[in-house]
Amino acid sequence: MSDRLRLMCVHAHPDDESSKGAAVMAKYVDEGHDVLVVSCTGGERGDVLNPKLADDPHILRDLAQVRRDEMKRAREILGVDHTWLGFVDSGLPEGDPLPPLPDGCFALEPLEVTTEALVREIRRFRPHVMTTYDENGGYPHPDHIMCHDVSMAAFEAAGDPTAYPGAGEPWQPLKIYYNQTFSRGRVVAFHEALTALGEESPYAAWLENWDPARERTITTRVVCDAWFERRDAALLAHATQIDPDGTFFKVSREEQARVWPWEDYEAGLSYVPIVEGEDDLFAGLPTDVAEADALATSGSLTIAHDGRKARTA
């Protein structure tokens, strides 16, 4: 049994972990907690989004291996543990009408198959807290939507001794959160910071086209600006996916720390109360790890917070 509180962060592809919640993960690692990133797919069908690498023959020859290597570097930078869930990237369908998803991809796997795979990891690692994406995937990529579905199904099944009995001893995570990387508040703060400096803001178009239906309830803000440099280094380790001159880096770290020094989360389900102004993903849990472990295996928990919503995308 670990003597540290444990956080599991479930993501669709390699690079998602570095663009969503990476500074918080690095913060918790440095504070002595165990953090595991689960990548549901290998990102095999991702495009090369860095124009400087678009024609690199090594990358074109074996993108799957390149993405595994990038993930290894990002993991080392953040200091987290990592596991591949082993499913195949679905790709992002484009066109009108949209083409069918490829056979055998993650988004087309039976939910009970993907859920059992994640339940095994939950029961092995025994996280007290999990993170994933909201019901719309954060954005409507089929793998992100499936990541939400499998995360929520596994969160609910992992503590049930009758569910997937061959997947390990029951373990009930106590909370699950949704990453909310680009909340409207953050976009507004970045836009205003750039315009105040007299710089062109790529966020102006975002705000002009903002759909009010995208508004989310931010329950938790974890201050983590001291780890923004680590976050950016991990993100840049995914060189095929990240343009160093792109939108992610338009606002300097110094300005980000001034106007938005935290990362945002939305509580999805919790067996402990979610208090207003929460600033810690482990808030409400016993600080003694043995007590937190006992709670997760008690078999007598009741839901204290239910933030689940119907899918709109």
C-alpha atoms as a PDB file:
ATOM      1  CA  MET A   1       0.000   0.000   0.000  1.00  0.00           C
ATOM      2  CA  SER A   2       1.287   3.443  -0.915  1.00  0.00           C
ATOM      3  CA  ASP A   3       1.522   5.960   1.919  1.00  0.00           C
ATOM      4  CA  ARG A   4       0.643   8.840  -0.411  1.00  0.00           C
ATOM      5  CA  LEU A   5      -2.656  10.068  -1.831  1.00  0.00           C
ATOM      6  CA  ARG A   6      -3.038   9.006  -5.451  1.00  0.00           C
ATOM      7  CA  LEU A   7      -4.360  10.802  -8.531  1.00  0.00           C
ATOM      8  CA  MET A   8      -5.232   9.120 -11.844  1.00  0.00           C
ATOM      9  CA  CYS A   9      -5.598  11.316 -14.940  1.00  0.00           C
ATOM     10  CA  VAL A  10      -7.324   9.613 -17.877  1.00  0.00           C
ATOM     11  CA  HIS A  11      -6.636  11.027 -21.350  1.00  0.00           C
ATOM     12  CA  ALA A  12      -7.504  10.101 -24.903  1.00  0.00           C
ATOM     13  CA  HIS A  13      -4.131  10.565 -26.627  1.00  0.00           C
ATOM     14  CA  PRO A  14      -0.494  11.306 -25.816  1.00  0.00           C
ATOM     15  CA  ASP A  15      -0.126  15.112 -25.568  1.00  0.00           C
ATOM     16  CA  ASP A  16      -3.565  15.544 -23.929  1.00  0.00           C
ATOM     17  CA  GLU A  17      -1.970  15.057 -20.510  1.00  0.00           C
ATOM     18  CA  SER A  18       0.414  17.958 -21.157  1.00  0.00           C
ATOM     19  CA  SER A  19      -2.245  20.381 -22.402  1.00  0.00           C
ATOM     20  CA  LYS A  20      -4.848  19.583 -19.737  1.00  0.00           C
ATOM     21  CA  GLY A  21      -3.906  19.686 -16.069  1.00  0.00           C
ATOM     22  CA  ALA A  22      -0.154  19.179 -16.467  1.00  0.00           C
ATOM     23  CA  ALA A  23       0.879  21.915 -14.031  1.00  0.00           C
ATOM     24  CA  VAL A  24      -1.408  20.475 -11.356  1.00  0.00           C
ATOM     25  CA  MET A  25       0.028  16.994 -11.915  1.00  0.00           C
ATOM     26  CA  ALA A  26       3.591  18.301 -11.561  1.00  0.00           C
ATOM     27  CA  LYS A  27       2.578  20.208  -8.413  1.00  0.00           C
ATOM     28  CA  TYR A  28       1.142  17.092  -6.788  1.00  0.00           C
ATOM     29  CA  VAL A  29       4.187  15.016  -7.755  1.00  0.00           C
ATOM     30  CA  ASP A  30       6.447  17.577  -6.098  1.00  0.00           C
ATOM     31  CA  GLU A  31       4.222  17.582  -3.009  1.00  0.00           C
ATOM     32  CA  GLY A  32       4.751  13.831  -2.636  1.00  0.00           C
ATOM     33  CA  HIS A  33       1.596  12.372  -4.160  1.00  0.00           C
ATOM     34  CA  ASP A  34       1.468   9.516  -6.671  1.00  0.00           C
ATOM     35  CA  VAL A  35       0.155  10.553 -10.098  1.00  0.00           C
ATOM     36  CA  LEU A  36      -0.667   8.147 -12.923  1.00  0.00           C
ATOM     37  CA  VAL A  37      -1.513   9.221 -16.473  1.00  0.00           C
ATOM     38  CA  VAL A  38      -3.576   6.727 -18.466  1.00  0.00           C
ATOM     39  CA  SER A  39      -3.452   7.191 -22.252  1.00  0.00           C
ATOM     40  CA  CYS A  40      -6.418   5.389 -23.782  1.00  0.00           C
ATOM     41  CA  THR A  41      -4.888   5.322 -27.282  1.00  0.00           C
ATOM     42  CA  GLY A  42      -1.481   5.691 -28.866  1.00  0.00           C
ATOM     43  CA  GLY A  43      -2.417   8.704 -30.965  1.00  0.00           C
ATOM     44  CA  GLU A  44      -1.537   6.748 -34.112  1.00  0.00           C
ATOM     45  CA  ARG A  45      -3.904   8.686 -36.370  1.00  0.00           C
ATOM     46  CA  GLY A  46      -3.014  12.163 -35.167  1.00  0.00           C
ATOM     47  CA  ASP A  47      -1.891  14.731 -37.713  1.00  0.00           C
ATOM     48  CA  VAL A  48       1.538  16.339 -37.515  1.00  0.00           C
ATOM     49  CA  LEU A  49       0.475  19.787 -36.309  1.00  0.00           C
ATOM     50  CA  ASN A  50       3.949  21.335 -36.078  1.00  0.00           C
ATOM     51  CA  PRO A  51       4.622  22.761 -39.556  1.00  0.00           C
ATOM     52  CA  LYS A  52       8.375  22.519 -38.989  1.00  0.00           C
ATOM     53  CA  LEU A  53       8.076  18.712 -38.805  1.00  0.00           C
ATOM     54  CA  ALA A  54       5.376  18.110 -41.388  1.00  0.00           C
ATOM     55  CA  ASP A  55       7.738  16.520 -43.931  1.00  0.00           C
ATOM     56  CA  ASP A  56      10.197  14.834 -41.558  1.00  0.00           C
ATOM     57  CA  PRO A  57      10.832  11.356 -43.058  1.00  0.00           C
ATOM     58  CA  HIS A  58      11.469   9.734 -39.654  1.00  0.00           C
ATOM     59  CA  ILE A  59       8.098  10.927 -38.389  1.00  0.00           C
ATOM     60  CA  LEU A  60       6.265   9.959 -41.558  1.00  0.00           C
ATOM     61  CA  ARG A  61       7.835   6.493 -41.441  1.00  0.00           C
ATOM     62  CA  ASP A  62       6.636   5.596 -37.929  1.00  0.00           C
ATOM     63  CA  LEU A  63       4.391   8.186 -36.300  1.00  0.00           C
ATOM     64  CA  ALA A  64       3.173   5.662 -33.723  1.00  0.00           C
ATOM     65  CA  GLN A  65       6.692   5.139 -32.347  1.00  0.00           C
ATOM     66  CA  VAL A  66       7.440   8.852 -32.454  1.00  0.00           C
ATOM     67  CA  ARG A  67       4.394   9.537 -30.329  1.00  0.00           C
ATOM     68  CA  ARG A  68       5.422   6.856 -27.830  1.00  0.00           C
ATOM     69  CA  ASP A  69       8.854   8.487 -27.586  1.00  0.00           C
ATOM     70  CA  GLU A  70       7.302  11.919 -27.112  1.00  0.00           C
ATOM     71  CA  MET A  71       5.085  10.602 -24.334  1.00  0.00           C
ATOM     72  CA  LYS A  72       8.093   9.107 -22.572  1.00  0.00           C
ATOM     73  CA  ARG A  73       9.851  12.488 -22.577  1.00  0.00           C
ATOM     74  CA  ALA A  74       6.753  14.315 -21.341  1.00  0.00           C
ATOM     75  CA  ARG A  75       6.254  11.755 -18.562  1.00  0.00           C
ATOM     76  CA  GLU A  76       9.843  12.234 -17.404  1.00  0.00           C
ATOM     77  CA  ILE A  77       9.465  16.028 -17.385  1.00  0.00           C
ATOM     78  CA  LEU A  78       6.268  15.931 -15.331  1.00  0.00           C
ATOM     79  CA  GLY A  79       7.514  13.177 -13.020  1.00  0.00           C
ATOM     80  CA  VAL A  80       4.324  11.137 -13.360  1.00  0.00           C
ATOM     81  CA  ASP A  81       3.806   7.427 -13.878  1.00  0.00           C
ATOM     82  CA  HIS A  82       2.196   6.397 -17.150  1.00  0.00           C
ATOM     83  CA  THR A  83       0.373   3.480 -18.728  1.00  0.00           C
ATOM     84  CA  TRP A  84      -1.121   2.803 -22.158  1.00  0.00           C
ATOM     85  CA  LEU A  85      -4.631   1.400 -22.067  1.00  0.00           C
ATOM     86  CA  GLY A  86      -3.887  -0.133 -25.457  1.00  0.00           C
ATOM     87  CA  PHE A  87      -6.680   1.015 -27.764  1.00  0.00           C
ATOM     88  CA  VAL A  88      -6.273   2.415 -31.284  1.00  0.00           C
ATOM     89  CA  ASP A  89      -6.708   6.111 -32.094  1.00  0.00           C
ATOM     90  CA  SER A  90      -9.972   6.788 -33.942  1.00  0.00           C
ATOM     91  CA  GLY A  91      -8.735   9.855 -35.785  1.00  0.00           C
ATOM     92  CA  LEU A  92     -10.772  13.048 -36.143  1.00  0.00           C
ATOM     93  CA  PRO A  93     -13.277  12.584 -38.972  1.00  0.00           C
ATOM     94  CA  GLU A  94     -13.584  15.567 -41.300  1.00  0.00           C
ATOM     95  CA  GLY A  95     -15.876  16.323 -44.216  1.00  0.00           C
ATOM     96  CA  ASP A  96     -19.559  16.721 -44.959  1.00  0.00           C
ATOM     97  CA  PRO A  97     -20.910  14.182 -44.496  1.00  0.00           C
ATOM     98  CA  LEU A  98     -18.421  12.860 -41.973  1.00  0.00           C
ATOM     99  CA  PRO A  99     -16.733   9.624 -43.006  1.00  0.00           C
ATOM    100  CA  PRO A 100     -17.280   6.510 -40.873  1.00  0.00           C
ATOM    101  CA  LEU A 101     -14.811   5.791 -38.103  1.00  0.00           C
ATOM    102  CA  PRO A 102     -12.211   3.115 -38.891  1.00  0.00           C
ATOM    103  CA  ASP A 103     -12.902  -0.452 -37.809  1.00  0.00           C
ATOM    104  CA  GLY A 104     -11.298  -1.457 -34.521  1.00  0.00           C
ATOM    105  CA  CYS A 105     -10.782   2.089 -33.243  1.00  0.00           C
ATOM    106  CA  PHE A 106     -11.248   3.162 -29.617  1.00  0.00           C
ATOM    107  CA  ALA A 107     -14.519   5.021 -30.198  1.00  0.00           C
ATOM    108  CA  LEU A 108     -16.126   1.903 -31.694  1.00  0.00           C
ATOM    109  CA  GLU A 109     -14.994  -0.545 -29.016  1.00  0.00           C
ATOM    110  CA  PRO A 110     -17.803  -1.966 -26.854  1.00  0.00           C
ATOM    111  CA  LEU A 111     -18.050   0.113 -23.684  1.00  0.00           C
ATOM    112  CA  GLU A 112     -17.775  -2.970 -21.494  1.00  0.00           C
ATOM    113  CA  VAL A 113     -14.413  -3.789 -23.113  1.00  0.00           C
ATOM    114  CA  THR A 114     -12.914  -0.331 -22.565  1.00  0.00           C
ATOM    115  CA  THR A 115     -14.444  -0.118 -19.099  1.00  0.00           C
ATOM    116  CA  GLU A 116     -12.924  -3.394 -17.955  1.00  0.00           C
ATOM    117  CA  ALA A 117      -9.493  -2.276 -19.151  1.00  0.00           C
ATOM    118  CA  LEU A 118      -9.712   0.931 -17.107  1.00  0.00           C
ATOM    119  CA  VAL A 119     -11.218  -0.847 -14.090  1.00  0.00           C
ATOM    120  CA  ARG A 120      -8.111  -3.059 -14.046  1.00  0.00           C
ATOM    121  CA  GLU A 121      -5.899   0.026 -13.876  1.00  0.00           C
ATOM    122  CA  ILE A 122      -8.039   1.647 -11.184  1.00  0.00           C
ATOM    123  CA  ARG A 123      -7.940  -1.477  -9.018  1.00  0.00           C
ATOM    124  CA  ARG A 124      -4.193  -1.830  -9.565  1.00  0.00           C
ATOM    125  CA  PHE A 125      -3.236   1.819  -8.885  1.00  0.00           C
ATOM    126  CA  ARG A 126      -6.069   2.562  -6.409  1.00  0.00           C
ATOM    127  CA  PRO A 127      -6.520   6.284  -7.009  1.00  0.00           C
ATOM    128  CA  HIS A 128      -8.352   8.393  -4.492  1.00  0.00           C
ATOM    129  CA  VAL A 129      -9.162  10.969  -7.187  1.00  0.00           C
ATOM    130  CA  MET A 130      -9.554  10.759 -10.968  1.00  0.00           C
ATOM    131  CA  THR A 131      -9.715  13.339 -13.766  1.00  0.00           C
ATOM    132  CA  THR A 132     -11.162  12.993 -17.260  1.00  0.00           C
ATOM    133  CA  TYR A 133     -13.167  15.068 -19.781  1.00  0.00           C
ATOM    134  CA  ASP A 134     -16.753  16.277 -19.550  1.00  0.00           C
ATOM    135  CA  GLU A 135     -19.636  14.554 -21.310  1.00  0.00           C
ATOM    136  CA  ASN A 136     -18.912  16.430 -24.556  1.00  0.00           C
ATOM    137  CA  GLY A 137     -15.253  15.438 -24.475  1.00  0.00           C
ATOM    138  CA  GLY A 138     -14.094  19.019 -23.950  1.00  0.00           C
ATOM    139  CA  TYR A 139     -14.387  19.171 -27.718  1.00  0.00           C
ATOM    140  CA  PRO A 140     -16.193  16.697 -29.964  1.00  0.00           C
ATOM    141  CA  HIS A 141     -13.383  14.308 -30.864  1.00  0.00           C
ATOM    142  CA  PRO A 142     -14.799  10.751 -30.779  1.00  0.00           C
ATOM    143  CA  ASP A 143     -11.914   9.540 -28.597  1.00  0.00           C
ATOM    144  CA  HIS A 144     -12.471  12.334 -26.081  1.00  0.00           C
ATOM    145  CA  ILE A 145     -16.143  11.493 -25.835  1.00  0.00           C
ATOM    146  CA  MET A 146     -15.306   7.798 -25.403  1.00  0.00           C
ATOM    147  CA  CYS A 147     -12.694   8.760 -22.792  1.00  0.00           C
ATOM    148  CA  HIS A 148     -15.451  10.418 -20.768  1.00  0.00           C
ATOM    149  CA  ASP A 149     -17.780   7.452 -21.154  1.00  0.00           C
ATOM    150  CA  VAL A 150     -15.209   4.850 -20.140  1.00  0.00           C
ATOM    151  CA  SER A 151     -13.892   6.988 -17.256  1.00  0.00           C
ATOM    152  CA  MET A 152     -17.326   7.473 -15.744  1.00  0.00           C
ATOM    153  CA  ALA A 153     -18.322   3.829 -16.267  1.00  0.00           C
ATOM    154  CA  ALA A 154     -15.072   2.605 -14.698  1.00  0.00           C
ATOM    155  CA  PHE A 155     -15.344   5.080 -11.806  1.00  0.00           C
ATOM    156  CA  GLU A 156     -18.745   3.611 -10.956  1.00  0.00           C
ATOM    157  CA  ALA A 157     -17.795  -0.039 -11.560  1.00  0.00           C
ATOM    158  CA  ALA A 158     -14.391  -0.189  -9.872  1.00  0.00           C
ATOM    159  CA  GLY A 159     -15.819  -0.353  -6.348  1.00  0.00           C
ATOM    160  CA  ASP A 160     -18.532  -2.860  -7.205  1.00  0.00           C
ATOM    161  CA  PRO A 161     -17.431  -6.399  -6.281  1.00  0.00           C
ATOM    162  CA  THR A 162     -19.959  -7.842  -8.741  1.00  0.00           C
ATOM    163  CA  ALA A 163     -18.562  -5.840 -11.697  1.00  0.00           C
ATOM    164  CA  TYR A 164     -15.619  -7.339 -13.597  1.00  0.00           C
ATOM    165  CA  PRO A 165     -14.699  -9.760 -10.789  1.00  0.00           C
ATOM    166  CA  GLY A 166     -11.616 -10.913 -12.677  1.00  0.00           C
ATOM    167  CA  ALA A 167     -10.184  -7.390 -12.863  1.00  0.00           C
ATOM    168  CA  GLY A 168      -8.830  -7.131  -9.309  1.00  0.00           C
ATOM    169  CA  GLU A 169     -10.063  -6.316  -5.831  1.00  0.00           C
ATOM    170  CA  PRO A 170     -12.761  -3.615  -5.630  1.00  0.00           C
ATOM    171  CA  TRP A 171     -11.566  -0.058  -5.182  1.00  0.00           C
ATOM    172  CA  GLN A 172     -13.831   2.986  -5.229  1.00  0.00           C
ATOM    173  CA  PRO A 173     -12.184   6.296  -6.207  1.00  0.00           C
ATOM    174  CA  LEU A 174     -13.692   9.036  -4.090  1.00  0.00           C
ATOM    175  CA  LYS A 175     -13.930  11.847  -6.653  1.00  0.00           C
ATOM    176  CA  ILE A 176     -13.769  12.372 -10.406  1.00  0.00           C
ATOM    177  CA  TYR A 177     -13.263  15.763 -12.054  1.00  0.00           C
ATOM    178  CA  TYR A 178     -13.511  17.095 -15.598  1.00  0.00           C
ATOM    179  CA  ASN A 179     -10.591  19.104 -16.972  1.00  0.00           C
ATOM    180  CA  GLN A 180     -11.814  22.541 -18.092  1.00  0.00           C
ATOM    181  CA  THR A 181      -8.744  23.927 -19.818  1.00  0.00           C
ATOM    182  CA  PHE A 182     -10.293  26.701 -21.882  1.00  0.00           C
ATOM    183  CA  SER A 183     -13.067  28.104 -19.752  1.00  0.00           C
ATOM    184  CA  ARG A 184     -14.509  31.375 -21.016  1.00  0.00           C
ATOM    185  CA  GLY A 185     -12.969  33.174 -18.051  1.00  0.00           C
ATOM    186  CA  ARG A 186      -9.500  32.008 -19.034  1.00  0.00           C
ATOM    187  CA  VAL A 187     -10.009  32.923 -22.687  1.00  0.00           C
ATOM    188  CA  VAL A 188     -11.219  36.413 -21.705  1.00  0.00           C
ATOM    189  CA  ALA A 189      -8.257  36.866 -19.339  1.00  0.00           C
ATOM    190  CA  PHE A 190      -5.760  35.875 -22.038  1.00  0.00           C
ATOM    191  CA  HIS A 191      -7.464  38.051 -24.656  1.00  0.00           C
ATOM    192  CA  GLU A 192      -7.443  41.084 -22.375  1.00  0.00           C
ATOM    193  CA  ALA A 193      -3.831  40.495 -21.381  1.00  0.00           C
ATOM    194  CA  LEU A 194      -2.707  40.478 -25.015  1.00  0.00           C
ATOM    195  CA  THR A 195      -4.769  43.513 -26.034  1.00  0.00           C
ATOM    196  CA  ALA A 196      -3.496  45.464 -23.017  1.00  0.00           C
ATOM    197  CA  LEU A 197       0.027  44.830 -24.307  1.00  0.00           C
ATOM    198  CA  GLY A 198      -0.982  46.056 -27.752  1.00  0.00           C
ATOM    199  CA  GLU A 199      -0.623  42.596 -29.271  1.00  0.00           C
ATOM    200  CA  GLU A 200      -2.953  40.839 -31.664  1.00  0.00           C
ATOM    201  CA  SER A 201      -5.099  38.298 -29.845  1.00  0.00           C
ATOM    202  CA  PRO A 202      -6.016  34.973 -31.456  1.00  0.00           C
ATOM    203  CA  TYR A 203      -8.724  34.712 -28.806  1.00  0.00           C
ATOM    204  CA  ALA A 204     -10.864  37.509 -30.286  1.00  0.00           C
ATOM    205  CA  ALA A 205     -12.365  35.120 -32.813  1.00  0.00           C
ATOM    206  CA  TRP A 206     -12.933  32.533 -30.080  1.00  0.00           C
ATOM    207  CA  LEU A 207     -15.013  35.025 -28.088  1.00  0.00           C
ATOM    208  CA  GLU A 208     -16.944  36.256 -31.126  1.00  0.00           C
ATOM    209  CA  ASN A 209     -18.015  32.695 -31.883  1.00  0.00           C
ATOM    210  CA  TRP A 210     -18.457  31.541 -28.279  1.00  0.00           C
ATOM    211  CA  ASP A 211     -21.482  29.315 -27.794  1.00  0.00           C
ATOM    212  CA  PRO A 212     -23.164  30.049 -24.429  1.00  0.00           C
ATOM    213  CA  ALA A 213     -24.041  26.350 -24.253  1.00  0.00           C
ATOM    214  CA  ARG A 214     -20.322  25.704 -23.708  1.00  0.00           C
ATOM    215  CA  GLU A 215     -20.387  27.418 -20.316  1.00  0.00           C
ATOM    216  CA  ARG A 216     -19.335  25.064 -17.523  1.00  0.00           C
ATOM    217  CA  THR A 217     -19.545  25.127 -13.736  1.00  0.00           C
ATOM    218  CA  ILE A 218     -15.995  25.504 -12.462  1.00  0.00           C
ATOM    219  CA  THR A 219     -15.974  24.013  -8.973  1.00  0.00           C
ATOM    220  CA  THR A 220     -12.232  23.827  -8.350  1.00  0.00           C
ATOM    221  CA  ARG A 221      -9.235  26.027  -9.137  1.00  0.00           C
ATOM    222  CA  VAL A 222      -5.797  24.756  -8.199  1.00  0.00           C
ATOM    223  CA  VAL A 223      -3.091  27.423  -8.112  1.00  0.00           C
ATOM    224  CA  CYS A 224      -0.092  25.993  -9.963  1.00  0.00           C
ATOM    225  CA  ASP A 225       1.722  28.840 -11.752  1.00  0.00           C
ATOM    226  CA  ALA A 226       5.038  27.726 -10.225  1.00  0.00           C
ATOM    227  CA  TRP A 227       4.743  24.648 -12.465  1.00  0.00           C
ATOM    228  CA  PHE A 228       3.852  26.396 -15.747  1.00  0.00           C
ATOM    229  CA  GLU A 229       7.423  26.038 -16.993  1.00  0.00           C
ATOM    230  CA  ARG A 230       7.277  22.244 -16.452  1.00  0.00           C
ATOM    231  CA  ARG A 231       3.889  22.126 -18.149  1.00  0.00           C
ATOM    232  CA  ASP A 232       5.210  23.962 -21.198  1.00  0.00           C
ATOM    233  CA  ALA A 233       8.304  21.773 -21.400  1.00  0.00           C
ATOM    234  CA  ALA A 234       6.120  18.657 -21.333  1.00  0.00           C
ATOM    235  CA  LEU A 235       3.858  20.105 -23.992  1.00  0.00           C
ATOM    236  CA  LEU A 236       6.806  20.926 -26.246  1.00  0.00           C
ATOM    237  CA  ALA A 237       8.060  17.362 -25.826  1.00  0.00           C
ATOM    238  CA  HIS A 238       5.088  16.402 -28.012  1.00  0.00           C
ATOM    239  CA  ALA A 239       6.838  18.069 -30.924  1.00  0.00           C
ATOM    240  CA  THR A 240       4.677  16.544 -33.656  1.00  0.00           C
ATOM    241  CA  GLN A 241       1.522  17.889 -32.034  1.00  0.00           C
ATOM    242  CA  ILE A 242       2.537  21.306 -30.766  1.00  0.00           C
ATOM    243  CA  ASP A 243       3.607  24.335 -32.797  1.00  0.00           C
ATOM    244  CA  PRO A 244       5.978  26.304 -30.532  1.00  0.00           C
ATOM    245  CA  ASP A 245       4.744  29.469 -32.259  1.00  0.00           C
ATOM    246  CA  GLY A 246       1.089  28.508 -31.830  1.00  0.00           C
ATOM    247  CA  THR A 247      -1.792  29.738 -29.700  1.00  0.00           C
ATOM    248  CA  PHE A 248      -0.738  27.826 -26.574  1.00  0.00           C
ATOM    249  CA  PHE A 249       2.296  30.095 -26.224  1.00  0.00           C
ATOM    250  CA  LYS A 250       0.900  33.503 -27.264  1.00  0.00           C
ATOM    251  CA  VAL A 251       0.580  34.635 -23.647  1.00  0.00           C
ATOM    252  CA  SER A 252       3.860  34.608 -21.743  1.00  0.00           C
ATOM    253  CA  ARG A 253       4.143  32.479 -18.613  1.00  0.00           C
ATOM    254  CA  GLU A 254       4.608  35.659 -16.594  1.00  0.00           C
ATOM    255  CA  GLU A 255       1.340  37.092 -17.891  1.00  0.00           C
ATOM    256  CA  GLN A 256      -0.444  33.782 -17.383  1.00  0.00           C
ATOM    257  CA  ALA A 257       0.749  33.677 -13.779  1.00  0.00           C
ATOM    258  CA  ARG A 258      -0.580  37.196 -13.281  1.00  0.00           C
ATOM    259  CA  VAL A 259      -4.023  36.811 -14.877  1.00  0.00           C
ATOM    260  CA  TRP A 260      -4.805  33.069 -14.515  1.00  0.00           C
ATOM    261  CA  PRO A 261      -2.405  31.288 -12.115  1.00  0.00           C
ATOM    262  CA  TRP A 262      -4.544  28.182 -11.708  1.00  0.00           C
ATOM    263  CA  GLU A 263      -6.000  25.252 -13.635  1.00  0.00           C
ATOM    264  CA  ASP A 264      -9.758  24.749 -13.705  1.00  0.00           C
ATOM    265  CA  TYR A 265     -11.783  21.640 -12.916  1.00  0.00           C
ATOM    266  CA  GLU A 266     -15.446  20.706 -12.733  1.00  0.00           C
ATOM    267  CA  ALA A 267     -16.490  18.071 -10.215  1.00  0.00           C
ATOM    268  CA  GLY A 268     -18.345  15.241 -11.947  1.00  0.00           C
ATOM    269  CA  LEU A 269     -19.089  12.789  -9.136  1.00  0.00           C
ATOM    270  CA  SER A 270     -17.871  12.781  -5.558  1.00  0.00           C
ATOM    271  CA  TYR A 271     -18.404  10.711  -2.431  1.00  0.00           C
ATOM    272  CA  VAL A 272     -17.183  13.621  -0.307  1.00  0.00           C
ATOM    273  CA  PRO A 273     -18.702  17.127  -0.324  1.00  0.00           C
ATOM    274  CA  ILE A 274     -17.481  19.675  -2.879  1.00  0.00           C
ATOM    275  CA  VAL A 275     -17.251  23.004  -1.085  1.00  0.00           C
ATOM    276  CA  GLU A 276     -17.550  26.391  -2.757  1.00  0.00           C
ATOM    277  CA  GLY A 277     -14.177  27.828  -3.722  1.00  0.00           C
ATOM    278  CA  GLU A 278     -12.421  24.456  -3.629  1.00  0.00           C
ATOM    279  CA  ASP A 279      -8.701  24.787  -4.405  1.00  0.00           C
ATOM    280  CA  ASP A 280      -7.391  21.222  -4.094  1.00  0.00           C
ATOM    281  CA  LEU A 281      -8.390  18.018  -5.905  1.00  0.00           C
ATOM    282  CA  PHE A 282      -7.797  16.129  -2.653  1.00  0.00           C
ATOM    283  CA  ALA A 283     -10.016  18.506  -0.627  1.00  0.00           C
ATOM    284  CA  GLY A 284     -12.420  16.723   1.687  1.00  0.00           C
ATOM    285  CA  LEU A 285     -10.409  13.494   1.781  1.00  0.00           C
ATOM    286  CA  PRO A 286      -8.761  12.269   4.973  1.00  0.00           C
ATOM    287  CA  THR A 287      -5.185  13.513   5.110  1.00  0.00           C
ATOM    288  CA  ASP A 288      -4.164  10.191   6.592  1.00  0.00           C
ATOM    289  CA  VAL A 289      -3.744   7.867   3.606  1.00  0.00           C
ATOM    290  CA  ALA A 290      -4.774   4.775   5.579  1.00  0.00           C
ATOM    291  CA  GLU A 291      -8.073   6.474   6.404  1.00  0.00           C
ATOM    292  CA  ALA A 292      -8.571   7.465   2.751  1.00  0.00           C
ATOM    293  CA  ASP A 293      -7.838   3.876   1.698  1.00  0.00           C
ATOM    294  CA  ALA A 294     -10.327   2.566   4.227  1.00  0.00           C
ATOM    295  CA  LEU A 295     -12.961   4.936   2.865  1.00  0.00           C
ATOM    296  CA  ALA A 296     -12.327   3.738  -0.698  1.00  0.00           C
ATOM    297  CA  THR A 297     -12.811   0.108   0.324  1.00  0.00           C
ATOM    298  CA  SER A 298     -15.642   0.593   2.831  1.00  0.00           C
ATOM    299  CA  GLY A 299     -18.420  -0.420   0.459  1.00  0.00           C
ATOM    300  CA  SER A 300     -20.801   1.977   2.196  1.00  0.00           C
ATOM    301  CA  LEU A 301     -20.298   5.261   0.330  1.00  0.00           C
ATOM    302  CA  THR A 302     -23.067   7.559  -0.843  1.00  0.00           C
ATOM    303  CA  ILE A 303     -22.794  10.248  -3.508  1.00  0.00           C
ATOM    304  CA  ALA A 304     -22.274  13.696  -1.985  1.00  0.00           C
ATOM    305  CA  HIS A 305     -22.015  15.636  -5.255  1.00  0.00           C
ATOM    306  CA  ASP A 306     -23.440  14.759  -8.666  1.00  0.00           C
ATOM    307  CA  GLY A 307     -22.423  17.164 -11.426  1.00  0.00           C
ATOM    308  CA  ARG A 308     -23.224  14.904 -14.355  1.00  0.00           C
ATOM    309  CA  LYS A 309     -24.997  16.454 -17.341  1.00  0.00           C
ATOM    310  CA  ALA A 310     -26.654  15.126 -20.480  1.00  0.00           C
ATOM    311  CA  ARG A 311     -24.488  15.223 -23.604  1.00  0.00           C
ATOM    312  CA  THR A 312     -25.243  18.125 -25.928  1.00  0.00           C
ATOM    313  CA  ALA A 313     -22.535  17.770 -28.579  1.00  0.00           C
END
